[in-house]
Each structure stands twice: as C-alpha cells, then as structure tokens.
C-alpha cells in the first residue's frame, strides 16, 4: 500500500538546497551502482525470462529494504524524512501531540506573531523546496510547532493588545491593500509606537516561536551535512 504523503513548501538558502541535492545525487549513484553490480553477479544470459524477472524483483525488494533501514538514502523525500525524525528526536518533540483546535492549522499566511522570513538575497531564503512527508510525520511536525509555540503566541497577542501592531505593520498592510504610497505612510504614522523596552520583549518572544518552516529548514540542513546519522524507517509514521 502506498504511503499517504503530506506536502510542505519551505523557503531555504541556496547553500542548504545545494548540499541536499548533492547528497541525494550521491545516494542515487551509489544505489544505481549497487543494483548494476548485483545484476552482473546474479543474471545469466542462459536464464529463462521468468527466472531473470524473479532475480530483478528480488533486487528491487532488497533495495526497498535497504532504503527503509537507511543503508541507502533513497529519494530526496526519503532523505529529508529521515532528517525530520532525527530533528524531532534531537528537540524532544518526537511524541504524540493532541489535535490543535479545529481550523488553527489551516489559517493562511505565517503563524500569528511570527516575523517575516529572512529577506531575499545574500544570506536569505532565496530558494523554495517541496517536501513530501509521510502523513503521520507531517502531522507531528505541524502539531509540535503549534503546541510548542502556543503560550508564546498568546503572549504576543497580549503584547499587541497593549501596544498595537506598530507603524511597520500598518505600512505593510496598507501597501498590501493597494493604498497609494502617500496614504500608506500617513496610515503608518498614525499608529502608536511602543517604547524600546516593549519592543525588546516582543523581539524575544518572536524568537521563541517554532514554526513548521523552522523544523523543516533545520531538517534540510541536517540532511545535507556529511556524516549524518541514519535512523531506520523512511516510510513509516
């Protein structure tokens, strides 16, 4: 039975994506070389077509098993899946979580209170990566990010109730709504400004929020590092 997958789109750096792709290419080449060698060893021109098909089928079964155990890296999704499990374990987040309130995980845009991702350009998230995780693992990633950040998000909501969103948010909202530049600036100027001490508190709270993107980026970095540990199971939950 095919594994049901959950799709994620995550912004990453060029370096992280390059390392991941190079690692995945190396694993594919290593797997292809092993398959070719096994076929040379086990297939004989004098074999019947049925016998040769059985040999090829056995080789495919062995490859699938070696992917599951981590002896072969498998596809890029397999590699990232293994790294996500390792990242969750390293953070102590690899356990069952309660379901978040209905509709919480389906809200559009960034998680409430989180600042924008790093800017495009040098040092920023210049590339996007699509990752397909086994559905139960994808659920764990989303739930872990939600519950780990819940209290911090509530604290940020309290902060916003006290100080408002500030002129920077007002400017972005006006620009997004298509307001002329002059009107956007006037709207932003009308928002109250929080004192420096309050802004520092907000920034500390923002840094404590864990998003699904944070977990996946850390996993991509982990997957592309040489000498990564291999945990069994790339297709389970």
Protein backbone atom coordinates (compact mmCIF):
# COMPACT_ATOMS: atom_id res chain seq x y z
CA UNK A 1 0.00 0.00 0.00
CA UNK A 2 1.37 3.39 -0.99
CA UNK A 3 2.26 5.76 1.83
CA UNK A 4 -0.04 8.78 2.05
CA UNK A 5 2.07 11.93 1.94
CA UNK A 6 1.68 15.46 3.26
CA UNK A 7 3.19 18.21 1.09
CA UNK A 8 5.15 21.14 2.53
CA UNK A 9 6.71 24.11 0.75
CA UNK A 10 9.63 25.61 2.65
CA UNK A 11 11.95 28.53 1.89
CA UNK A 12 15.63 27.58 2.18
CA UNK A 13 19.03 29.02 1.44
CA UNK A 14 20.84 28.21 -1.78
CA UNK A 15 23.61 26.51 0.20
CA UNK A 16 21.24 24.21 2.09
CA UNK A 17 19.42 23.18 -1.09
CA UNK A 18 22.67 22.57 -2.94
CA UNK A 19 24.02 20.34 -0.16
CA UNK A 20 20.79 18.36 -0.03
CA UNK A 21 20.70 17.86 -3.81
CA UNK A 22 24.34 16.81 -3.90
CA UNK A 23 23.76 14.29 -1.12
CA UNK A 24 20.66 12.90 -2.85
CA UNK A 25 22.54 12.60 -6.16
CA UNK A 26 25.39 10.77 -4.45
CA UNK A 27 22.97 8.35 -2.82
CA UNK A 28 21.21 7.68 -6.12
CA UNK A 29 24.52 6.99 -7.86
CA UNK A 30 25.60 4.65 -5.06
CA UNK A 31 22.30 2.77 -5.25
CA UNK A 32 22.45 2.51 -9.04
CA UNK A 33 26.00 1.14 -8.84
CA UNK A 34 24.93 -1.49 -6.29
CA UNK A 35 21.99 -2.57 -8.47
CA UNK A 36 24.21 -2.84 -11.54
CA UNK A 37 26.74 -4.94 -9.63
CA UNK A 38 24.06 -7.28 -8.28
CA UNK A 39 22.63 -7.76 -11.74
CA UNK A 40 26.05 -8.61 -13.11
CA UNK A 41 26.50 -11.16 -10.34
CA UNK A 42 23.07 -12.81 -10.48
CA UNK A 43 21.81 -12.56 -14.04
CA UNK A 44 22.99 -15.03 -16.65
CA UNK A 45 22.22 -14.98 -20.38
CA UNK A 46 21.15 -18.59 -20.19
CA UNK A 47 18.38 -17.83 -17.66
CA UNK A 48 14.76 -18.04 -18.66
CA UNK A 49 12.84 -14.79 -18.81
CA UNK A 50 10.85 -15.87 -15.76
CA UNK A 51 13.99 -16.60 -13.73
CA UNK A 52 15.58 -13.30 -14.75
CA UNK A 53 12.42 -11.40 -13.77
CA UNK A 54 12.50 -13.11 -10.35
CA UNK A 55 16.11 -12.01 -9.84
CA UNK A 56 15.29 -8.41 -10.73
CA UNK A 57 12.28 -8.47 -8.42
CA UNK A 58 14.45 -9.76 -5.55
CA UNK A 59 16.96 -6.97 -6.16
CA UNK A 60 14.14 -4.39 -6.02
CA UNK A 61 12.96 -5.88 -2.73
CA UNK A 62 16.47 -5.66 -1.31
CA UNK A 63 16.81 -2.03 -2.40
CA UNK A 64 13.49 -1.13 -0.76
CA UNK A 65 14.59 -2.82 2.47
CA UNK A 66 17.95 -1.03 2.42
CA UNK A 67 16.17 2.28 1.94
CA UNK A 68 13.96 1.58 4.95
CA UNK A 69 16.96 0.74 7.13
CA UNK A 70 18.94 3.74 5.93
CA UNK A 71 21.65 1.73 4.16
CA UNK A 72 20.61 3.65 1.05
CA UNK A 73 19.45 7.25 1.29
CA UNK A 74 16.66 6.77 -1.23
CA UNK A 75 14.85 9.70 -2.79
CA UNK A 76 15.23 13.29 -1.66
CA UNK A 77 11.94 12.95 0.23
CA UNK A 78 13.28 9.82 1.97
CA UNK A 79 16.42 11.69 3.00
CA UNK A 80 14.51 14.67 4.39
CA UNK A 81 12.00 12.36 6.10
CA UNK A 82 14.82 10.64 7.97
CA UNK A 83 16.31 14.01 8.90
CA UNK A 84 12.94 15.29 10.16
CA UNK A 85 12.70 12.31 12.51
CA UNK A 86 16.22 12.98 13.74
CA UNK A 87 15.44 16.68 14.25
CA UNK A 88 12.28 15.90 16.23
CA UNK A 89 14.20 13.44 18.40
CA UNK A 90 17.01 15.93 18.99
CA UNK A 91 14.47 18.52 20.18
CA UNK A 92 12.47 16.06 22.28
CA UNK A 93 9.41 16.58 20.08
CA UNK A 94 9.04 13.04 18.69
CA UNK A 95 5.92 12.03 20.59
CA UNK A 96 2.17 12.16 20.17
CA UNK A 97 0.54 15.58 20.43
CA UNK A 98 -3.12 16.46 20.94
CA UNK A 99 -5.00 17.78 17.97
CA UNK A 100 -4.96 21.62 17.84
CA UNK A 101 -8.33 23.40 17.88
CA UNK A 102 -10.19 22.99 14.60
CA UNK A 103 -9.10 25.48 11.97
CA UNK A 104 -5.91 26.56 13.76
CA UNK A 105 -3.54 24.78 11.37
CA UNK A 106 -5.45 25.83 8.27
CA UNK A 107 -5.09 29.58 8.80
CA UNK A 108 -3.44 31.26 5.77
CA UNK A 109 -0.10 33.03 5.94
CA UNK A 110 2.50 32.98 8.69
CA UNK A 111 1.76 31.91 12.23
CA UNK A 112 0.37 34.80 14.29
CA UNK A 113 3.18 36.85 15.80
CA UNK A 114 5.98 35.49 13.66
CA UNK A 115 8.18 37.98 11.82
CA UNK A 116 8.73 37.71 8.06
CA UNK A 117 11.25 35.13 6.85
CA UNK A 118 14.78 36.22 6.07
CA UNK A 119 14.85 38.62 3.14
CA UNK A 120 15.68 37.50 -0.37
CA UNK A 121 19.28 37.96 -1.38
CA UNK A 122 22.62 37.13 0.21
CA UNK A 123 22.09 35.12 3.37
CA UNK A 124 18.33 34.93 2.87
CA UNK A 125 15.92 32.21 1.80
CA UNK A 126 16.38 32.52 -1.94
CA UNK A 127 15.06 29.10 -2.91
CA UNK A 128 11.96 27.00 -2.26
CA UNK A 129 11.82 23.28 -1.63
CA UNK A 130 8.81 20.97 -1.80
CA UNK A 131 8.92 18.15 0.74
CA UNK A 132 6.52 15.20 0.87
CA UNK A 133 6.45 13.60 4.33
CA UNK A 134 4.50 10.54 5.44
CA UNK A 135 1.18 11.91 6.65
CA UNK A 136 1.58 10.94 10.34
CA UNK A 137 5.04 12.52 10.43
CA UNK A 138 3.74 15.67 8.75
CA UNK A 139 1.02 15.86 11.40
CA UNK A 140 3.65 15.58 14.13
CA UNK A 141 5.65 18.45 12.63
CA UNK A 142 2.60 20.72 12.47
CA UNK A 143 1.33 19.79 15.93
CA UNK A 144 4.76 20.10 17.56
CA UNK A 145 5.20 23.60 16.11
CA UNK A 146 1.72 24.64 17.21
CA UNK A 147 1.86 23.42 20.81
CA UNK A 148 5.48 24.39 21.39
CA UNK A 149 4.67 27.97 20.41
CA UNK A 150 1.15 28.28 21.83
CA UNK A 151 2.00 30.14 25.05
CA UNK A 152 4.42 32.45 23.25
CA UNK A 153 1.83 33.28 20.59
CA UNK A 154 -0.68 34.13 23.32
CA UNK A 155 1.91 36.37 24.99
CA UNK A 156 2.45 38.15 21.67
CA UNK A 157 -1.29 38.61 21.28
CA UNK A 158 -1.38 40.20 24.73
CA UNK A 159 1.52 42.43 23.67
CA UNK A 160 -0.36 43.52 20.54
CA UNK A 161 -3.48 44.28 22.61
CA UNK A 162 -1.34 46.51 24.81
CA UNK A 163 0.82 48.24 22.20
CA UNK A 164 -0.82 47.64 18.84
CA UNK A 165 0.90 46.34 15.74
CA UNK A 166 3.05 49.41 15.23
CA UNK A 167 3.74 51.59 12.20
CA UNK A 168 5.76 48.96 10.32
CA UNK A 169 2.81 46.56 10.26
CA UNK A 170 0.44 49.37 9.30
CA UNK A 171 2.65 50.29 6.35
CA UNK A 172 2.79 46.69 5.08
CA UNK A 173 -0.98 46.28 5.47
CA UNK A 174 -1.70 49.48 3.56
CA UNK A 175 0.68 48.54 0.76
CA UNK A 176 -0.82 45.06 0.55
CA UNK A 177 -4.30 46.58 0.27
CA UNK A 178 -3.13 48.68 -2.68
CA UNK A 179 -3.16 52.05 -0.94
CA UNK A 180 -1.07 54.79 -2.58
CA UNK A 181 2.38 55.27 -1.07
CA UNK A 182 1.49 58.64 0.48
CA UNK A 183 -1.64 57.25 2.14
CA UNK A 184 0.26 54.19 3.35
CA UNK A 185 2.81 56.43 5.06
CA UNK A 186 0.08 58.53 6.69
CA UNK A 187 -1.65 55.39 7.94
CA UNK A 188 1.59 54.06 9.37
CA UNK A 189 2.40 57.37 11.03
CA UNK A 190 -0.92 57.31 12.87
CA UNK A 191 -0.13 54.09 14.71
CA UNK A 192 1.24 54.38 18.27
CA UNK A 193 4.84 53.34 18.81
CA UNK A 194 5.86 51.03 21.65
CA UNK A 195 8.86 52.01 23.81
CA UNK A 196 12.18 50.31 23.23
CA UNK A 197 11.80 48.05 26.27
CA UNK A 198 8.46 46.74 24.99
CA UNK A 199 9.88 46.19 21.52
CA UNK A 200 12.73 44.17 23.03
CA UNK A 201 10.20 41.99 24.85
CA UNK A 202 8.31 41.44 21.58
CA UNK A 203 11.51 40.51 19.77
CA UNK A 204 12.45 37.98 22.47
CA UNK A 205 9.01 36.42 22.25
CA UNK A 206 9.19 36.21 18.47
CA UNK A 207 12.50 34.37 18.71
CA UNK A 208 10.86 31.70 20.86
CA UNK A 209 8.25 30.77 18.26
CA UNK A 210 8.86 27.50 16.45
CA UNK A 211 7.25 27.15 13.02
CA UNK A 212 6.95 24.19 10.67
CA UNK A 213 9.35 26.07 8.41
CA UNK A 214 11.90 26.25 11.23
CA UNK A 215 11.69 22.48 11.77
CA UNK A 216 11.91 21.67 8.07
CA UNK A 217 14.82 24.06 7.44
CA UNK A 218 16.73 22.52 10.34
CA UNK A 219 15.97 19.08 8.91
CA UNK A 220 17.18 20.07 5.44
CA UNK A 221 20.40 21.41 6.96
CA UNK A 222 20.79 18.16 8.90
CA UNK A 223 20.14 16.03 5.80
CA UNK A 224 22.80 17.82 3.78
CA UNK A 225 25.55 17.58 6.40
CA UNK A 226 28.21 14.91 5.85
CA UNK A 227 28.23 12.11 8.38
CA UNK A 228 24.55 12.43 9.32
CA UNK A 229 23.29 9.58 11.45
CA UNK A 230 20.94 7.12 9.82
CA UNK A 231 17.81 6.17 11.71
CA UNK A 232 15.78 3.23 10.45
CA UNK A 233 12.48 3.76 8.75
CA UNK A 234 11.95 6.31 5.99
CA UNK A 235 8.43 5.33 5.04
CA UNK A 236 6.62 4.81 8.33
CA UNK A 237 4.84 7.29 10.57
